C-alpha atoms as a PDB file:
ATOM      1  CA  MET A   1     -99.809 -26.955  34.841  1.00  0.00           C
ATOM      2  CA  ALA A   2     -97.188 -24.465  36.003  1.00  0.00           C
ATOM      3  CA  LEU A   3     -93.582 -25.617  36.387  1.00  0.00           C
ATOM      4  CA  PRO A   4     -92.357 -26.033  39.977  1.00  0.00           C
ATOM      5  CA  LYS A   5     -90.438 -23.269  41.729  1.00  0.00           C
ATOM      6  CA  LEU A   6     -87.309 -24.108  43.654  1.00  0.00           C
ATOM      7  CA  ASN A   7     -86.844 -23.076  47.252  1.00  0.00           C
ATOM      8  CA  THR A   8     -83.951 -20.648  47.599  1.00  0.00           C
ATOM      9  CA  PRO A   9     -81.804 -20.858  50.753  1.00  0.00           C
ATOM     10  CA  LYS A  10     -80.920 -17.695  52.638  1.00  0.00           C
ATOM     11  CA  TYR A  11     -77.732 -16.810  54.491  1.00  0.00           C
ATOM     12  CA  TYR A  12     -76.400 -13.972  56.598  1.00  0.00           C
ATOM     13  CA  THR A  13     -73.177 -12.005  56.646  1.00  0.00           C
ATOM     14  CA  LYS A  14     -71.958  -8.537  57.650  1.00  0.00           C
ATOM     15  CA  VAL A  15     -71.081  -5.465  55.618  1.00  0.00           C
ATOM     16  CA  PRO A  16     -67.412  -4.951  56.610  1.00  0.00           C
ATOM     17  CA  SER A  17     -67.378  -1.142  56.676  1.00  0.00           C
ATOM     18  CA  THR A  18     -70.480  -0.824  58.878  1.00  0.00           C
ATOM     19  CA  GLY A  19     -70.819  -4.179  60.639  1.00  0.00           C
ATOM     20  CA  ALA A  20     -74.486  -4.279  59.613  1.00  0.00           C
ATOM     21  CA  ASP A  21     -76.079  -7.721  59.228  1.00  0.00           C
ATOM     22  CA  VAL A  22     -77.387  -8.503  55.759  1.00  0.00           C
ATOM     23  CA  GLU A  23     -79.464 -11.398  54.444  1.00  0.00           C
ATOM     24  CA  PHE A  24     -78.627 -12.809  51.029  1.00  0.00           C
ATOM     25  CA  ARG A  25     -79.429 -15.633  48.629  1.00  0.00           C
ATOM     26  CA  PRO A  26     -77.206 -17.473  46.137  1.00  0.00           C
ATOM     27  CA  TYR A  27     -77.164 -15.983  42.664  1.00  0.00           C
ATOM     28  CA  GLN A  28     -79.061 -17.736  39.890  1.00  0.00           C
ATOM     29  CA  VAL A  29     -78.139 -18.882  36.398  1.00  0.00           C
ATOM     30  CA  ARG A  30     -79.376 -15.706  34.708  1.00  0.00           C
ATOM     31  CA  GLU A  31     -77.238 -13.647  37.093  1.00  0.00           C
ATOM     32  CA  GLU A  32     -74.214 -15.882  36.589  1.00  0.00           C
ATOM     33  CA  LYS A  33     -74.547 -15.365  32.824  1.00  0.00           C
ATOM     34  CA  MET A  34     -74.477 -11.616  33.431  1.00  0.00           C
ATOM     35  CA  LEU A  35     -71.235 -12.010  35.404  1.00  0.00           C
ATOM     36  CA  MET A  36     -69.663 -14.163  32.708  1.00  0.00           C
ATOM     37  CA  ILE A  37     -70.468 -11.609  30.007  1.00  0.00           C
ATOM     38  CA  ALA A  38     -68.981  -8.805  32.119  1.00  0.00           C
ATOM     39  CA  SER A  39     -65.867 -10.873  32.851  1.00  0.00           C
ATOM     40  CA  GLU A  40     -65.334 -11.719  29.170  1.00  0.00           C
ATOM     41  CA  SER A  41     -65.502  -8.020  28.297  1.00  0.00           C
ATOM     42  CA  GLN A  42     -62.376  -7.389  30.416  1.00  0.00           C
ATOM     43  CA  ASP A  43     -63.888  -3.964  31.121  1.00  0.00           C
ATOM     44  CA  GLU A  44     -63.323  -3.079  34.781  1.00  0.00           C
ATOM     45  CA  ARG A  45     -66.329  -0.763  34.922  1.00  0.00           C
ATOM     46  CA  GLN A  46     -68.603  -3.400  33.395  1.00  0.00           C
ATOM     47  CA  VAL A  47     -67.378  -6.005  35.891  1.00  0.00           C
ATOM     48  CA  VAL A  48     -67.938  -3.705  38.878  1.00  0.00           C
ATOM     49  CA  GLY A  49     -71.349  -2.738  37.500  1.00  0.00           C
ATOM     50  CA  ALA A  50     -72.340  -6.398  37.190  1.00  0.00           C
ATOM     51  CA  MET A  51     -71.183  -7.070  40.745  1.00  0.00           C
ATOM     52  CA  LYS A  52     -73.227  -4.095  41.991  1.00  0.00           C
ATOM     53  CA  ASP A  53     -76.362  -5.388  40.251  1.00  0.00           C
ATOM     54  CA  LEU A  54     -75.731  -8.884  41.575  1.00  0.00           C
ATOM     55  CA  ILE A  55     -75.340  -7.779  45.197  1.00  0.00           C
ATOM     56  CA  ASP A  56     -78.396  -5.544  44.948  1.00  0.00           C
ATOM     57  CA  ALA A  57     -80.532  -8.427  43.660  1.00  0.00           C
ATOM     58  CA  CYS A  58     -79.193 -11.099  46.011  1.00  0.00           C
ATOM     59  CA  THR A  59     -79.551  -8.945  49.155  1.00  0.00           C
ATOM     60  CA  PHE A  60     -83.174  -8.158  48.216  1.00  0.00           C
ATOM     61  CA  GLY A  61     -82.390  -4.461  47.782  1.00  0.00           C
ATOM     62  CA  ALA A  62     -81.633  -4.124  51.499  1.00  0.00           C
ATOM     63  CA  VAL A  63     -78.096  -2.804  50.926  1.00  0.00           C
ATOM     64  CA  ASP A  64     -77.553   0.767  49.751  1.00  0.00           C
ATOM     65  CA  ILE A  65     -75.158  -0.043  46.919  1.00  0.00           C
ATOM     66  CA  THR A  66     -74.142   3.595  46.485  1.00  0.00           C
ATOM     67  CA  LYS A  67     -72.667   3.667  49.995  1.00  0.00           C
ATOM     68  CA  LEU A  68     -70.568   0.506  49.736  1.00  0.00           C
ATOM     69  CA  THR A  69     -66.791   0.742  49.645  1.00  0.00           C
ATOM     70  CA  MET A  70     -64.769  -1.322  47.198  1.00  0.00           C
ATOM     71  CA  PHE A  71     -63.753  -3.768  49.933  1.00  0.00           C
ATOM     72  CA  ASP A  72     -67.442  -4.157  50.884  1.00  0.00           C
ATOM     73  CA  LEU A  73     -68.184  -5.055  47.273  1.00  0.00           C
ATOM     74  CA  GLU A  74     -65.316  -7.553  47.093  1.00  0.00           C
ATOM     75  CA  TYR A  75     -66.209  -9.236  50.379  1.00  0.00           C
ATOM     76  CA  LEU A  76     -69.949  -9.496  49.693  1.00  0.00           C
ATOM     77  CA  PHE A  77     -69.238 -10.870  46.222  1.00  0.00           C
ATOM     78  CA  VAL A  78     -66.974 -13.557  47.687  1.00  0.00           C
ATOM     79  CA  LYS A  79     -69.722 -14.551  50.134  1.00  0.00           C
ATOM     80  CA  LEU A  80     -72.245 -14.746  47.300  1.00  0.00           C
ATOM     81  CA  ARG A  81     -69.913 -16.793  45.117  1.00  0.00           C
ATOM     82  CA  SER A  82     -69.143 -19.160  47.980  1.00  0.00           C
ATOM     83  CA  LYS A  83     -72.806 -20.018  48.480  1.00  0.00           C
ATOM     84  CA  SER A  84     -73.657 -19.978  44.773  1.00  0.00           C
ATOM     85  CA  VAL A  85     -70.843 -21.846  43.003  1.00  0.00           C
ATOM     86  CA  GLY A  86     -68.887 -23.557  45.756  1.00  0.00           C
ATOM     87  CA  GLU A  87     -66.892 -22.721  48.849  1.00  0.00           C
ATOM     88  CA  SER A  88     -63.526 -23.540  47.265  1.00  0.00           C
ATOM     89  CA  THR A  89     -61.701 -22.267  44.203  1.00  0.00           C
ATOM     90  CA  THR A  90     -58.313 -22.837  42.570  1.00  0.00           C
ATOM     91  CA  ILE A  91     -55.808 -20.294  41.301  1.00  0.00           C
ATOM     92  CA  GLY A  92     -52.396 -20.578  39.685  1.00  0.00           C
ATOM     93  CA  MET A  93     -49.518 -19.125  41.714  1.00  0.00           C
ATOM     94  CA  LYS A  94     -45.894 -18.864  40.643  1.00  0.00           C
ATOM     95  CA  CYS A  95     -43.165 -19.996  42.997  1.00  0.00           C
ATOM     96  CA  LYS A  96     -41.013 -17.058  44.113  1.00  0.00           C
ATOM     97  CA  SER A  97     -37.874 -19.170  43.538  1.00  0.00           C
ATOM     98  CA  CYS A  98     -38.323 -21.162  40.351  1.00  0.00           C
ATOM     99  CA  GLU A  99     -41.457 -19.459  38.949  1.00  0.00           C
ATOM    100  CA  HIS A 100     -43.185 -22.814  38.494  1.00  0.00           C
ATOM    101  CA  LYS A 101     -46.948 -22.331  38.393  1.00  0.00           C
ATOM    102  CA  ASN A 102     -48.677 -24.183  41.233  1.00  0.00           C
ATOM    103  CA  GLU A 103     -52.399 -24.852  41.298  1.00  0.00           C
ATOM    104  CA  ILE A 104     -53.525 -23.816  44.781  1.00  0.00           C
ATOM    105  CA  LYS A 105     -56.970 -24.664  46.097  1.00  0.00           C
ATOM    106  CA  PHE A 106     -58.403 -22.597  48.942  1.00  0.00           C
ATOM    107  CA  SER A 107     -61.688 -21.947  50.707  1.00  0.00           C
ATOM    108  CA  LEU A 108     -63.539 -18.738  49.923  1.00  0.00           C
ATOM    109  CA  GLU A 109     -64.846 -18.857  53.472  1.00  0.00           C
ATOM    110  CA  ASP A 110     -61.326 -17.948  54.634  1.00  0.00           C
ATOM    111  CA  VAL A 111     -61.329 -14.642  52.756  1.00  0.00           C
ATOM    112  CA  TYR A 112     -61.387 -11.708  55.172  1.00  0.00           C
ATOM    113  CA  VAL A 113     -61.089  -7.917  55.200  1.00  0.00           C
ATOM    114  CA  ASN A 114     -57.770  -6.702  56.587  1.00  0.00           C
ATOM    115  CA  THR A 115     -59.174  -3.732  58.484  1.00  0.00           C
ATOM    116  CA  ALA A 116     -56.309  -1.571  59.715  1.00  0.00           C
ATOM    117  CA  GLU A 117     -57.357  -0.469  63.183  1.00  0.00           C
ATOM    118  CA  ASP A 118     -54.510   2.049  63.471  1.00  0.00           C
ATOM    119  CA  LEU A 119     -55.136   3.688  60.077  1.00  0.00           C
ATOM    120  CA  ASN A 120     -55.330   7.420  60.807  1.00  0.00           C
ATOM    121  CA  SER A 121     -57.763   9.282  58.551  1.00  0.00           C
ATOM    122  CA  THR A 122     -56.280  12.686  59.469  1.00  0.00           C
ATOM    123  CA  ILE A 123     -53.077  13.593  57.628  1.00  0.00           C
ATOM    124  CA  GLU A 124     -51.201  16.763  58.560  1.00  0.00           C
ATOM    125  CA  LEU A 125     -49.403  18.156  55.537  1.00  0.00           C
ATOM    126  CA  SER A 126     -47.862  21.278  57.053  1.00  0.00           C
ATOM    127  CA  ASP A 127     -48.416  23.542  60.052  1.00  0.00           C
ATOM    128  CA  GLY A 128     -52.156  24.052  60.321  1.00  0.00           C
ATOM    129  CA  ILE A 129     -52.988  22.477  56.955  1.00  0.00           C
ATOM    130  CA  GLY A 130     -54.052  18.916  56.336  1.00  0.00           C
ATOM    131  CA  VAL A 131     -56.656  16.566  54.951  1.00  0.00           C
ATOM    132  CA  THR A 132     -59.085  14.021  56.335  1.00  0.00           C
ATOM    133  CA  MET A 133     -59.439  10.859  54.299  1.00  0.00           C
ATOM    134  CA  LYS A 134     -62.267   8.446  53.554  1.00  0.00           C
ATOM    135  CA  TYR A 135     -62.685   5.132  51.805  1.00  0.00           C
ATOM    136  CA  PRO A 136     -63.763   5.687  48.167  1.00  0.00           C
ATOM    137  CA  GLY A 137     -67.189   4.354  47.277  1.00  0.00           C
ATOM    138  CA  ILE A 138     -67.968   2.004  44.405  1.00  0.00           C
ATOM    139  CA  ASN A 139     -69.263   4.828  42.224  1.00  0.00           C
ATOM    140  CA  ASP A 140     -66.009   6.720  42.793  1.00  0.00           C
ATOM    141  CA  VAL A 141     -64.018   3.727  41.574  1.00  0.00           C
ATOM    142  CA  MET A 142     -66.254   3.298  38.518  1.00  0.00           C
ATOM    143  CA  ASP A 143     -65.823   6.974  37.606  1.00  0.00           C
ATOM    144  CA  ILE A 144     -62.043   6.538  37.772  1.00  0.00           C
ATOM    145  CA  GLY A 145     -62.023   3.485  35.503  1.00  0.00           C
ATOM    146  CA  GLY A 146     -62.279   3.376  31.753  1.00  0.00           C
ATOM    147  CA  ASP A 147     -59.595   4.492  29.322  1.00  0.00           C
ATOM    148  CA  LEU A 148     -57.684   6.717  31.739  1.00  0.00           C
ATOM    149  CA  SER A 149     -53.924   6.337  32.080  1.00  0.00           C
ATOM    150  CA  ASP A 150     -52.513   4.746  35.231  1.00  0.00           C
ATOM    151  CA  VAL A 151     -51.396   8.190  36.441  1.00  0.00           C
ATOM    152  CA  ASP A 152     -54.867   9.660  35.937  1.00  0.00           C
ATOM    153  CA  LYS A 153     -56.438   6.684  37.712  1.00  0.00           C
ATOM    154  CA  MET A 154     -54.115   7.176  40.674  1.00  0.00           C
ATOM    155  CA  MET A 155     -54.897  10.902  40.808  1.00  0.00           C
ATOM    156  CA  GLY A 156     -58.596  10.118  40.586  1.00  0.00           C
ATOM    157  CA  MET A 157     -58.306   7.697  43.498  1.00  0.00           C
ATOM    158  CA  VAL A 158     -56.480  10.326  45.564  1.00  0.00           C
ATOM    159  CA  ARG A 159     -59.183  12.886  44.795  1.00  0.00           C
ATOM    160  CA  ALA A 160     -61.973  10.436  45.655  1.00  0.00           C
ATOM    161  CA  SER A 161     -60.299   9.559  48.973  1.00  0.00           C
ATOM    162  CA  ILE A 162     -59.982  13.110  50.334  1.00  0.00           C
ATOM    163  CA  ASP A 163     -63.009  14.010  52.426  1.00  0.00           C
ATOM    164  CA  THR A 164     -62.039  17.457  53.701  1.00  0.00           C
ATOM    165  CA  ILE A 165     -59.158  19.913  53.442  1.00  0.00           C
ATOM    166  CA  TYR A 166     -58.594  21.951  56.574  1.00  0.00           C
ATOM    167  CA  THR A 167     -56.589  24.923  57.753  1.00  0.00           C
ATOM    168  CA  SER A 168     -56.288  26.373  61.239  1.00  0.00           C
ATOM    169  CA  GLU A 169     -59.331  28.523  60.454  1.00  0.00           C
ATOM    170  CA  GLU A 170     -61.529  26.659  57.963  1.00  0.00           C
ATOM    171  CA  VAL A 171     -62.641  23.214  56.827  1.00  0.00           C
ATOM    172  CA  PHE A 172     -63.458  22.658  53.147  1.00  0.00           C
ATOM    173  CA  ASN A 173     -65.688  19.769  52.090  1.00  0.00           C
ATOM    174  CA  VAL A 174     -64.109  18.389  48.909  1.00  0.00           C
ATOM    175  CA  LYS A 175     -67.514  17.476  47.449  1.00  0.00           C
ATOM    176  CA  GLU A 176     -68.398  21.172  47.480  1.00  0.00           C
ATOM    177  CA  GLN A 177     -65.282  22.165  45.540  1.00  0.00           C
ATOM    178  CA  SER A 178     -64.739  21.902  41.797  1.00  0.00           C
ATOM    179  CA  THR A 179     -62.594  19.100  40.385  1.00  0.00           C
ATOM    180  CA  LYS A 180     -60.219  21.734  39.039  1.00  0.00           C
ATOM    181  CA  GLU A 181     -59.713  23.301  42.478  1.00  0.00           C
ATOM    182  CA  VAL A 182     -59.094  19.943  44.145  1.00  0.00           C
ATOM    183  CA  ASP A 183     -56.649  18.907  41.425  1.00  0.00           C
ATOM    184  CA  GLU A 184     -54.767  22.191  41.800  1.00  0.00           C
ATOM    185  CA  PHE A 185     -54.493  21.555  45.547  1.00  0.00           C
ATOM    186  CA  ILE A 186     -53.151  18.039  44.951  1.00  0.00           C
ATOM    187  CA  ASP A 187     -50.705  19.281  42.299  1.00  0.00           C
ATOM    188  CA  SER A 188     -49.337  21.826  44.779  1.00  0.00           C
ATOM    189  CA  LEU A 189     -48.273  19.123  47.264  1.00  0.00           C
ATOM    190  CA  THR A 190     -44.625  18.234  47.693  1.00  0.00           C
ATOM    191  CA  SER A 191     -43.541  14.655  46.990  1.00  0.00           C
ATOM    192  CA  ASN A 192     -43.316  13.917  50.726  1.00  0.00           C
ATOM    193  CA  GLN A 193     -46.805  15.299  51.367  1.00  0.00           C
ATOM    194  CA  PHE A 194     -48.265  13.342  48.460  1.00  0.00           C
ATOM    195  CA  GLN A 195     -46.566  10.178  49.708  1.00  0.00           C
ATOM    196  CA  LYS A 196     -48.449  10.456  53.013  1.00  0.00           C
ATOM    197  CA  ILE A 197     -51.725  10.311  51.104  1.00  0.00           C
ATOM    198  CA  ARG A 198     -50.531   7.415  48.934  1.00  0.00           C
ATOM    199  CA  GLU A 199     -49.563   5.466  52.065  1.00  0.00           C
ATOM    200  CA  TYR A 200     -53.112   5.863  53.344  1.00  0.00           C
ATOM    201  CA  LEU A 201     -54.446   4.446  50.075  1.00  0.00           C
ATOM    202  CA  GLU A 202     -51.996   1.536  50.193  1.00  0.00           C
ATOM    203  CA  ASP A 203     -53.089   0.672  53.736  1.00  0.00           C
ATOM    204  CA  MET A 204     -56.830   0.783  53.006  1.00  0.00           C
ATOM    205  CA  PRO A 205     -58.731  -2.442  53.753  1.00  0.00           C
ATOM    206  CA  THR A 206     -59.081  -5.101  51.063  1.00  0.00           C
ATOM    207  CA  ALA A 207     -60.712  -8.505  50.836  1.00  0.00           C
ATOM    208  CA  GLN A 208     -57.849 -10.975  50.907  1.00  0.00           C
ATOM    209  CA  ILE A 209     -56.546 -14.374  51.969  1.00  0.00           C
ATOM    210  CA  ASN A 210     -53.090 -15.516  53.094  1.00  0.00           C
ATOM    211  CA  LEU A 211     -51.870 -18.591  51.219  1.00  0.00           C
ATOM    212  CA  ASN A 212     -48.848 -20.690  52.182  1.00  0.00           C
ATOM    213  CA  PHE A 213     -47.647 -23.559  50.029  1.00  0.00           C
ATOM    214  CA  ASP A 214     -44.590 -25.657  49.179  1.00  0.00           C
ATOM    215  CA  CYS A 215     -43.714 -25.486  45.486  1.00  0.00           C
ATOM    216  CA  GLU A 216     -44.397 -28.843  43.829  1.00  0.00           C
ATOM    217  CA  ASN A 217     -41.383 -28.308  41.566  1.00  0.00           C
ATOM    218  CA  CYS A 218     -38.556 -27.107  43.841  1.00  0.00           C
ATOM    219  CA  GLY A 219     -40.064 -27.578  47.304  1.00  0.00           C
ATOM    220  CA  ASP A 220     -39.477 -23.989  48.461  1.00  0.00           C
ATOM    221  CA  LYS A 221     -41.952 -22.510  50.912  1.00  0.00           C
ATOM    222  CA  ASN A 222     -44.086 -19.657  49.570  1.00  0.00           C
ATOM    223  CA  GLU A 223     -46.220 -17.100  51.379  1.00  0.00           C
ATOM    224  CA  HIS A 224     -48.603 -14.959  49.358  1.00  0.00           C
ATOM    225  CA  VAL A 225     -51.364 -12.474  50.133  1.00  0.00           C
ATOM    226  CA  VAL A 226     -54.051 -12.896  47.484  1.00  0.00           C
ATOM    227  CA  LYS A 227     -56.421  -9.994  46.930  1.00  0.00           C
ATOM    228  CA  GLY A 228     -58.389  -8.415  44.130  1.00  0.00           C
ATOM    229  CA  THR A 229     -61.750  -9.434  42.713  1.00  0.00           C
ATOM    230  CA  ALA A 230     -60.218 -11.206  39.713  1.00  0.00           C
ATOM    231  CA  ASN A 231     -58.691 -13.845  42.012  1.00  0.00           C
ATOM    232  CA  PHE A 232     -62.056 -14.682  43.588  1.00  0.00           C
ATOM    233  CA  PHE A 233     -64.202 -14.678  40.423  1.00  0.00           C
END
C-alpha cells in the first residue's frame, strides 16, 4: 500500500516590480535542507541560487526567475518563509546607546518593499549626455558576487544598473556594448557624476521592515530599518 500524500495549501502574493499576482506553496523539507546547506556555505552566490530554485519550485514555474529583481527575490522569499516556517522570527539588535543586544521578535508579514515613487531613472551627467538606469536582475547580482573586492562589486553593480547611455544625437544600449567600453565610460566620470549614479543605487527598493523597541538594558528608544536577506532567513 502506498504511503499517503499530504495536501499542500496554496497562497497568493504579488511580484513587487510588476504587480503581477502569483500563486505559491510552502516549501518542503527537502527544499529547506537545500537552503540550510546554502546558508552554511556562507557563499552569497550559492544562497541566491538556492533562493532562485526555491521560488521557481514553489511558484510552480509560473515566475520568470531571470527577470526578477533582487528586491523581488527578497520579498517572495520572505512570503515563502512566512507560510513555510512561521510568520514570526527573532533577530538580535544592538541598542544604539549601550550596545546591549536585544532579542526582537517581529512578523514577517510586516515586511514590505520600500518602492521610491519619485526615483528618477534618467540621470543627466553633463549637457546632452546622461544615462538611464534600471534595477539589476538576480543574474546580474550573481555575476557580481564571488571573490571580487568590494570596489569591483560596486563597479559591477553600477555597470549592471545602467540601461542606456545617451547623447543629444544617439542612444547606446549598454547590453550591446563591451564590458571594457562601459567600464571606460564609468571610469571617465567625475566624482560628482559618479555620485549621482551611486545615489540611485542607494535609493533602489529593498524588502525591509521598520522596528522600534525600548532597550531592555538601558531603556532607550531605538528605531531601526532591517533589510537584507540574511535578516529574514
